[in-house]
Amino acid sequence: MRREEVGRRIRSWMVDAGMTQEDTAAALGVSVGALKSWIYGQRSIDFERAEQIADLFGKTLDDLACR
């Protein structure tokens, strides 16, 4: 799974849900900086956090992994 593709997917889901970076970061219990590092493909997401992101947007891990 490419970090850049995952980041674009998260950004797309945020837009579709009408959520800001601040809203999303708060819902995930992370800093806005951490969220941005995932969105821009600068950091990988651990499995538990990936599950949390998928659940937040009502998606599957396969969706997040761009499969």
C-alpha atoms as a PDB file:
ATOM      1  CA  MET A   1       0.000   0.000   0.000  1.00  0.00           C
ATOM      2  CA  ARG A   2       1.460   3.318  -1.056  1.00  0.00           C
ATOM      3  CA  ARG A   3       1.333   6.032   1.587  1.00  0.00           C
ATOM      4  CA  GLU A   4       0.473   8.725  -0.950  1.00  0.00           C
ATOM      5  CA  GLU A   5      -2.540   6.794  -2.236  1.00  0.00           C
ATOM      6  CA  VAL A   6      -3.767   6.131   1.288  1.00  0.00           C
ATOM      7  CA  GLY A   7      -3.375   9.808   2.108  1.00  0.00           C
ATOM      8  CA  ARG A   8      -5.422  10.822  -0.923  1.00  0.00           C
ATOM      9  CA  ARG A   9      -8.082   8.321   0.086  1.00  0.00           C
ATOM     10  CA  ILE A  10      -8.294   9.761   3.620  1.00  0.00           C
ATOM     11  CA  ARG A  11      -8.496  13.300   2.244  1.00  0.00           C
ATOM     12  CA  SER A  12     -11.273  12.271  -0.152  1.00  0.00           C
ATOM     13  CA  TRP A  13     -13.254  10.640   2.649  1.00  0.00           C
ATOM     14  CA  MET A  14     -12.857  13.752   4.803  1.00  0.00           C
ATOM     15  CA  VAL A  15     -14.211  15.957   2.012  1.00  0.00           C
ATOM     16  CA  ASP A  16     -17.098  13.579   1.332  1.00  0.00           C
ATOM     17  CA  ALA A  17     -17.964  13.574   5.048  1.00  0.00           C
ATOM     18  CA  GLY A  18     -17.659  17.361   5.315  1.00  0.00           C
ATOM     19  CA  MET A  19     -14.960  17.022   7.979  1.00  0.00           C
ATOM     20  CA  THR A  20     -12.035  19.375   8.487  1.00  0.00           C
ATOM     21  CA  GLN A  21      -8.568  18.210   9.421  1.00  0.00           C
ATOM     22  CA  GLU A  22      -9.270  19.424  12.939  1.00  0.00           C
ATOM     23  CA  ASP A  23     -12.538  17.438  13.106  1.00  0.00           C
ATOM     24  CA  THR A  24     -10.887  14.294  11.809  1.00  0.00           C
ATOM     25  CA  ALA A  25      -7.853  14.558  14.068  1.00  0.00           C
ATOM     26  CA  ALA A  26     -10.100  15.062  17.114  1.00  0.00           C
ATOM     27  CA  ALA A  27     -12.263  12.066  16.165  1.00  0.00           C
ATOM     28  CA  LEU A  28      -9.139   9.915  15.857  1.00  0.00           C
ATOM     29  CA  GLY A  29      -7.498  11.287  19.011  1.00  0.00           C
ATOM     30  CA  VAL A  30      -4.385  12.476  17.183  1.00  0.00           C
ATOM     31  CA  SER A  31      -2.797  15.830  16.465  1.00  0.00           C
ATOM     32  CA  VAL A  32      -3.521  17.691  13.248  1.00  0.00           C
ATOM     33  CA  GLY A  33       0.183  17.345  12.473  1.00  0.00           C
ATOM     34  CA  ALA A  34      -0.019  13.546  12.664  1.00  0.00           C
ATOM     35  CA  LEU A  35      -3.079  13.532  10.413  1.00  0.00           C
ATOM     36  CA  LYS A  36      -1.351  15.788   7.880  1.00  0.00           C
ATOM     37  CA  SER A  37       1.695  13.506   7.850  1.00  0.00           C
ATOM     38  CA  TRP A  38      -0.584  10.619   6.815  1.00  0.00           C
ATOM     39  CA  ILE A  39      -2.484  12.684   4.252  1.00  0.00           C
ATOM     40  CA  TYR A  40       0.745  13.849   2.601  1.00  0.00           C
ATOM     41  CA  GLY A  41       2.326  10.386   2.712  1.00  0.00           C
ATOM     42  CA  GLN A  42       5.111  11.396   5.079  1.00  0.00           C
ATOM     43  CA  ARG A  43       4.347   8.710   7.694  1.00  0.00           C
ATOM     44  CA  SER A  44       2.921   5.227   7.650  1.00  0.00           C
ATOM     45  CA  ILE A  45      -0.225   4.373   9.590  1.00  0.00           C
ATOM     46  CA  ASP A  46      -0.114   1.507  12.086  1.00  0.00           C
ATOM     47  CA  PHE A  47      -2.734  -1.231  11.854  1.00  0.00           C
ATOM     48  CA  GLU A  48      -4.844  -0.140  14.828  1.00  0.00           C
ATOM     49  CA  ARG A  49      -4.998   3.437  13.565  1.00  0.00           C
ATOM     50  CA  ALA A  50      -5.871   2.224  10.068  1.00  0.00           C
ATOM     51  CA  GLU A  51      -8.790   0.288  11.564  1.00  0.00           C
ATOM     52  CA  GLN A  52      -9.904   3.406  13.420  1.00  0.00           C
ATOM     53  CA  ILE A  53      -9.758   5.521  10.244  1.00  0.00           C
ATOM     54  CA  ALA A  54     -11.737   2.968   8.237  1.00  0.00           C
ATOM     55  CA  ASP A  55     -14.355   2.724  11.000  1.00  0.00           C
ATOM     56  CA  LEU A  56     -14.667   6.500  11.277  1.00  0.00           C
ATOM     57  CA  PHE A  57     -15.660   6.755   7.635  1.00  0.00           C
ATOM     58  CA  GLY A  58     -17.639   3.503   7.462  1.00  0.00           C
ATOM     59  CA  LYS A  59     -15.122   1.907   5.091  1.00  0.00           C
ATOM     60  CA  THR A  60     -13.109  -1.311   5.052  1.00  0.00           C
ATOM     61  CA  LEU A  61      -9.367  -1.709   5.431  1.00  0.00           C
ATOM     62  CA  ASP A  62      -9.305  -2.832   1.793  1.00  0.00           C
ATOM     63  CA  ASP A  63     -10.893   0.491   0.843  1.00  0.00           C
ATOM     64  CA  LEU A  64      -8.202   2.330   2.805  1.00  0.00           C
ATOM     65  CA  ALA A  65      -5.493   0.231   1.178  1.00  0.00           C
ATOM     66  CA  CYS A  66      -6.879   1.226  -2.243  1.00  0.00           C
ATOM     67  CA  ARG A  67      -7.690  -2.365  -3.185  1.00  0.00           C
END
